[in-house]
């Protein structure tokens, strides 16, 4: 626990220490990884391990740690495979964030999925985002700023890929992108509310992907293809926009 103190905001150290003393879980600090800020896994011996990137600022480190601890909490309570960011994880994450909240700060979770076809490429997209919003008014309404972490996962199927000898083939590859989200927005008050927000996710987006493509005759070949133009995604990150209606309790 002592080594974590230098990575966490001062006011969170006691709370995190209480969690780690209560549960048997190992935490390791890793060098920067381009594709993730942290992860949770169950080792072959049954022990649980959380890894966090060392290059994160203290608040991003804390949010990532709570994110992974929520995965651990779900695994400890259920012991079976569930949607990684389903209702079980969302409930655990919100509960673990409560000690940091007041009338101005609220946790948030967004999730979306859709299919897209660009030219000869089929794309299966899913997007999850979690973090906290700071409201400039005291009761969770009006203008706010948000800080969060997003995970953009996609499965791409490339059709009609050019292979050597004049052949064509088909191949698939996964693209996973983690970004840090900064956003601003506005939310109306009342039981029924409307919200609008706009932000940007800062991350490293590759220009191309390497994968194996296979021809109809069964010939397999390693190829490199450019990432198709996906709305909102550029070389430096992802544009994020949300419009929503909801009910406040």
Protein backbone atom coordinates (compact mmCIF):
# COMPACT_ATOMS: atom_id res chain seq x y z
CA UNK A 1 0.00 0.00 0.00
CA UNK A 2 2.85 2.40 0.79
CA UNK A 3 3.98 2.55 -2.84
CA UNK A 4 0.46 3.57 -3.94
CA UNK A 5 0.56 6.77 -1.84
CA UNK A 6 2.68 8.58 -4.42
CA UNK A 7 0.13 7.79 -7.16
CA UNK A 8 -3.10 8.70 -5.32
CA UNK A 9 -4.68 12.01 -4.23
CA UNK A 10 -4.01 12.51 -0.52
CA UNK A 11 -7.67 12.44 0.46
CA UNK A 12 -8.18 9.00 -1.12
CA UNK A 13 -5.31 7.10 0.51
CA UNK A 14 -7.15 6.07 3.69
CA UNK A 15 -10.20 4.84 1.76
CA UNK A 16 -8.11 2.78 -0.69
CA UNK A 17 -6.05 1.36 2.17
CA UNK A 18 -9.25 0.25 3.91
CA UNK A 19 -10.36 -1.61 0.78
CA UNK A 20 -7.02 -3.32 0.23
CA UNK A 21 -6.78 -4.43 3.86
CA UNK A 22 -10.27 -5.91 3.67
CA UNK A 23 -9.78 -7.83 0.42
CA UNK A 24 -7.01 -10.15 -0.71
CA UNK A 25 -5.90 -8.54 -3.96
CA UNK A 26 -2.50 -7.70 -5.41
CA UNK A 27 -1.83 -4.39 -7.20
CA UNK A 28 1.13 -3.84 -9.51
CA UNK A 29 2.33 -0.62 -11.12
CA UNK A 30 3.21 -1.03 -14.81
CA UNK A 31 5.05 1.05 -17.39
CA UNK A 32 2.84 2.96 -19.84
CA UNK A 33 0.71 0.75 -22.08
CA UNK A 34 -0.78 2.29 -25.21
CA UNK A 35 -3.93 0.15 -25.25
CA UNK A 36 -5.04 0.34 -21.61
CA UNK A 37 -4.74 2.33 -18.39
CA UNK A 38 -5.26 -0.68 -16.15
CA UNK A 39 -6.77 -4.16 -15.95
CA UNK A 40 -8.11 -6.82 -13.60
CA UNK A 41 -7.44 -10.51 -13.97
CA UNK A 42 -7.77 -13.78 -12.07
CA UNK A 43 -4.49 -15.70 -12.12
CA UNK A 44 -4.18 -19.45 -12.68
CA UNK A 45 -3.64 -19.98 -8.93
CA UNK A 46 -6.93 -18.24 -8.15
CA UNK A 47 -5.35 -14.99 -6.86
CA UNK A 48 -6.61 -11.64 -8.17
CA UNK A 49 -4.34 -9.03 -9.73
CA UNK A 50 -4.90 -5.40 -10.71
CA UNK A 51 -2.33 -3.56 -12.81
CA UNK A 52 -2.28 0.25 -13.29
CA UNK A 53 -0.09 2.35 -15.57
CA UNK A 54 2.53 4.43 -13.75
CA UNK A 55 2.24 7.47 -16.05
CA UNK A 56 -1.32 8.44 -15.03
CA UNK A 57 -1.96 11.63 -13.08
CA UNK A 58 -3.27 11.08 -9.55
CA UNK A 59 -6.95 11.58 -10.35
CA UNK A 60 -6.86 9.41 -13.46
CA UNK A 61 -4.99 6.77 -11.43
CA UNK A 62 -7.70 6.85 -8.75
CA UNK A 63 -10.56 6.57 -11.26
CA UNK A 64 -8.82 3.67 -13.02
CA UNK A 65 -8.15 1.91 -9.72
CA UNK A 66 -11.80 2.23 -8.64
CA UNK A 67 -12.82 0.93 -12.09
CA UNK A 68 -10.69 -2.20 -11.68
CA UNK A 69 -11.67 -2.68 -8.03
CA UNK A 70 -15.31 -2.70 -9.17
CA UNK A 71 -14.44 -5.58 -11.53
CA UNK A 72 -12.86 -7.38 -8.58
CA UNK A 73 -15.95 -6.75 -6.45
CA UNK A 74 -18.23 -8.24 -9.13
CA UNK A 75 -15.98 -11.30 -9.48
CA UNK A 76 -15.86 -11.78 -5.69
CA UNK A 77 -19.64 -11.59 -5.34
CA UNK A 78 -20.77 -13.54 -8.41
CA UNK A 79 -17.91 -15.89 -9.43
CA UNK A 80 -19.24 -16.32 -12.96
CA UNK A 81 -18.90 -14.58 -16.31
CA UNK A 82 -21.09 -11.50 -16.71
CA UNK A 83 -21.06 -8.48 -19.03
CA UNK A 84 -17.79 -6.70 -18.07
CA UNK A 85 -19.53 -3.33 -17.81
CA UNK A 86 -23.05 -4.57 -17.18
CA UNK A 87 -25.44 -3.65 -14.38
CA UNK A 88 -23.40 -5.57 -11.78
CA UNK A 89 -20.25 -3.59 -12.53
CA UNK A 90 -22.12 -0.28 -12.77
CA UNK A 91 -23.66 -0.81 -9.33
CA UNK A 92 -20.31 -1.74 -7.79
CA UNK A 93 -18.55 1.24 -9.40
CA UNK A 94 -21.17 3.74 -8.20
CA UNK A 95 -21.04 2.41 -4.64
CA UNK A 96 -17.25 2.55 -4.52
CA UNK A 97 -17.27 6.13 -5.82
CA UNK A 98 -19.75 7.42 -3.21
CA UNK A 99 -17.14 8.38 -0.56
CA UNK A 100 -15.66 10.93 -3.00
CA UNK A 101 -18.93 12.60 -3.92
CA UNK A 102 -20.88 15.66 -2.78
CA UNK A 103 -23.71 17.72 -4.27
CA UNK A 104 -21.39 19.07 -6.95
CA UNK A 105 -19.78 15.80 -8.04
CA UNK A 106 -21.53 12.80 -9.59
CA UNK A 107 -20.19 9.60 -11.18
CA UNK A 108 -21.33 8.73 -14.68
CA UNK A 109 -21.25 5.70 -16.95
CA UNK A 110 -22.02 5.68 -20.69
CA UNK A 111 -22.24 2.67 -22.97
CA UNK A 112 -23.16 2.27 -26.62
CA UNK A 113 -22.78 -0.22 -29.46
CA UNK A 114 -23.58 -0.19 -33.16
CA UNK A 115 -22.52 -1.67 -36.50
CA UNK A 116 -21.03 0.33 -39.35
CA UNK A 117 -19.94 -0.43 -42.91
CA UNK A 118 -17.31 1.72 -44.62
CA UNK A 119 -16.63 0.73 -48.24
CA UNK A 120 -15.64 -2.97 -48.04
CA UNK A 121 -15.01 -2.97 -44.29
CA UNK A 122 -17.58 -4.13 -41.71
CA UNK A 123 -17.12 -2.64 -38.24
CA UNK A 124 -18.70 -3.83 -34.99
CA UNK A 125 -18.29 -1.00 -32.46
CA UNK A 126 -18.78 -0.76 -28.72
CA UNK A 127 -17.99 2.21 -26.48
CA UNK A 128 -17.90 2.50 -22.70
CA UNK A 129 -17.00 5.54 -20.64
CA UNK A 130 -16.88 6.21 -16.90
CA UNK A 131 -15.77 9.08 -14.72
CA UNK A 132 -17.10 12.01 -12.70
CA UNK A 133 -18.86 15.30 -13.47
CA UNK A 134 -18.39 18.50 -11.51
CA UNK A 135 -21.51 20.69 -11.44
CA UNK A 136 -20.99 24.41 -11.04
CA UNK A 137 -24.39 24.57 -9.31
CA UNK A 138 -24.85 22.70 -6.05
CA UNK A 139 -27.65 20.27 -6.89
CA UNK A 140 -26.54 18.35 -9.93
CA UNK A 141 -27.93 20.63 -12.61
CA UNK A 142 -26.81 23.39 -14.92
CA UNK A 143 -23.37 23.55 -16.49
CA UNK A 144 -20.74 20.96 -15.65
CA UNK A 145 -17.27 19.74 -16.57
CA UNK A 146 -16.36 16.08 -16.72
CA UNK A 147 -13.25 13.92 -16.51
CA UNK A 148 -13.33 10.26 -17.42
CA UNK A 149 -11.78 7.30 -19.15
CA UNK A 150 -13.21 5.64 -22.23
CA UNK A 151 -12.72 2.27 -23.86
CA UNK A 152 -13.43 2.06 -27.58
CA UNK A 153 -13.53 -1.53 -28.85
CA UNK A 154 -14.14 -2.55 -32.43
CA UNK A 155 -13.96 -5.67 -34.53
CA UNK A 156 -13.16 -4.97 -38.18
CA UNK A 157 -13.75 -7.37 -41.07
CA UNK A 158 -11.85 -6.38 -44.21
CA UNK A 159 -13.34 -7.77 -47.42
CA UNK A 160 -11.75 -7.84 -50.87
CA UNK A 161 -8.22 -7.41 -49.48
CA UNK A 162 -5.52 -7.45 -52.17
CA UNK A 163 -3.12 -10.38 -51.84
CA UNK A 164 -0.05 -11.36 -53.85
CA UNK A 165 -0.54 -13.06 -57.19
CA UNK A 166 -3.65 -11.00 -57.95
CA UNK A 167 -5.76 -12.81 -55.36
CA UNK A 168 -8.16 -11.21 -52.90
CA UNK A 169 -9.13 -12.33 -49.44
CA UNK A 170 -10.92 -11.57 -46.20
CA UNK A 171 -9.46 -10.93 -42.76
CA UNK A 172 -10.50 -9.63 -39.36
CA UNK A 173 -8.75 -7.74 -36.57
CA UNK A 174 -9.68 -6.12 -33.25
CA UNK A 175 -8.95 -2.48 -32.45
CA UNK A 176 -9.05 -1.37 -28.81
CA UNK A 177 -8.44 2.26 -27.84
CA UNK A 178 -8.33 3.79 -24.34
CA UNK A 179 -8.62 7.57 -24.02
CA UNK A 180 -8.84 10.21 -21.31
CA UNK A 181 -12.05 12.22 -21.73
CA UNK A 182 -12.50 15.92 -21.01
CA UNK A 183 -16.01 17.28 -21.57
CA UNK A 184 -18.38 20.13 -20.84
CA UNK A 185 -22.15 19.95 -20.77
CA UNK A 186 -25.42 21.23 -19.41
CA UNK A 187 -28.27 19.44 -17.62
CA UNK A 188 -31.72 20.84 -16.88
CA UNK A 189 -33.17 20.43 -13.40
CA UNK A 190 -36.30 18.61 -12.32
CA UNK A 191 -37.39 14.99 -12.15
CA UNK A 192 -37.38 14.71 -15.95
CA UNK A 193 -34.18 16.20 -17.30
CA UNK A 194 -32.46 16.91 -20.61
CA UNK A 195 -28.68 16.92 -21.06
CA UNK A 196 -26.22 17.85 -23.78
CA UNK A 197 -22.46 17.42 -23.64
CA UNK A 198 -19.44 17.63 -25.91
CA UNK A 199 -15.90 16.51 -25.26
CA UNK A 200 -12.74 14.95 -26.59
CA UNK A 201 -10.92 11.75 -25.72
CA UNK A 202 -7.14 12.09 -25.87
CA UNK A 203 -5.34 8.93 -26.94
CA UNK A 204 -3.10 7.31 -29.51
CA UNK A 205 -4.91 6.08 -32.61
CA UNK A 206 -2.91 3.88 -35.02
CA UNK A 207 -2.96 4.71 -38.72
CA UNK A 208 -3.01 1.07 -39.87
CA UNK A 209 -3.58 -2.48 -38.67
CA UNK A 210 -1.71 -5.71 -39.37
CA UNK A 211 -3.62 -8.99 -39.69
CA UNK A 212 -3.85 -12.20 -41.71
CA UNK A 213 -6.18 -12.32 -44.71
CA UNK A 214 -7.28 -15.57 -46.36
CA UNK A 215 -8.27 -16.08 -50.00
CA UNK A 216 -11.14 -18.28 -51.19
CA UNK A 217 -8.57 -20.95 -52.07
CA UNK A 218 -7.31 -20.99 -48.47
CA UNK A 219 -4.07 -19.04 -48.99
CA UNK A 220 -3.28 -16.93 -45.92
CA UNK A 221 -1.08 -13.84 -46.03
CA UNK A 222 -0.07 -11.11 -43.59
CA UNK A 223 -1.32 -7.70 -44.75
CA UNK A 224 -1.41 -4.09 -43.56
CA UNK A 225 -4.51 -1.98 -44.10
CA UNK A 226 -5.35 1.59 -43.19
CA UNK A 227 -8.03 2.12 -40.57
CA UNK A 228 -11.24 3.15 -42.35
CA UNK A 229 -12.71 6.57 -41.70
CA UNK A 230 -14.85 6.15 -38.56
CA UNK A 231 -16.94 9.24 -37.64
CA UNK A 232 -15.45 11.13 -34.70
CA UNK A 233 -12.10 9.31 -34.63
CA UNK A 234 -8.90 11.09 -35.61
CA UNK A 235 -5.19 10.46 -35.19
CA UNK A 236 -5.11 12.22 -31.80
CA UNK A 237 -8.27 10.91 -30.20
CA UNK A 238 -12.07 10.69 -30.29
CA UNK A 239 -14.77 13.36 -30.41
CA UNK A 240 -17.50 12.60 -27.87
CA UNK A 241 -21.02 14.01 -27.97
CA UNK A 242 -24.14 12.97 -26.06
CA UNK A 243 -27.75 14.13 -26.02
CA UNK A 244 -30.02 12.49 -23.47
CA UNK A 245 -33.27 12.43 -21.53
CA UNK A 246 -33.57 10.88 -18.09
CA UNK A 247 -35.25 10.75 -14.72
CA UNK A 248 -33.60 12.03 -11.52
CA UNK A 249 -34.35 10.55 -8.12
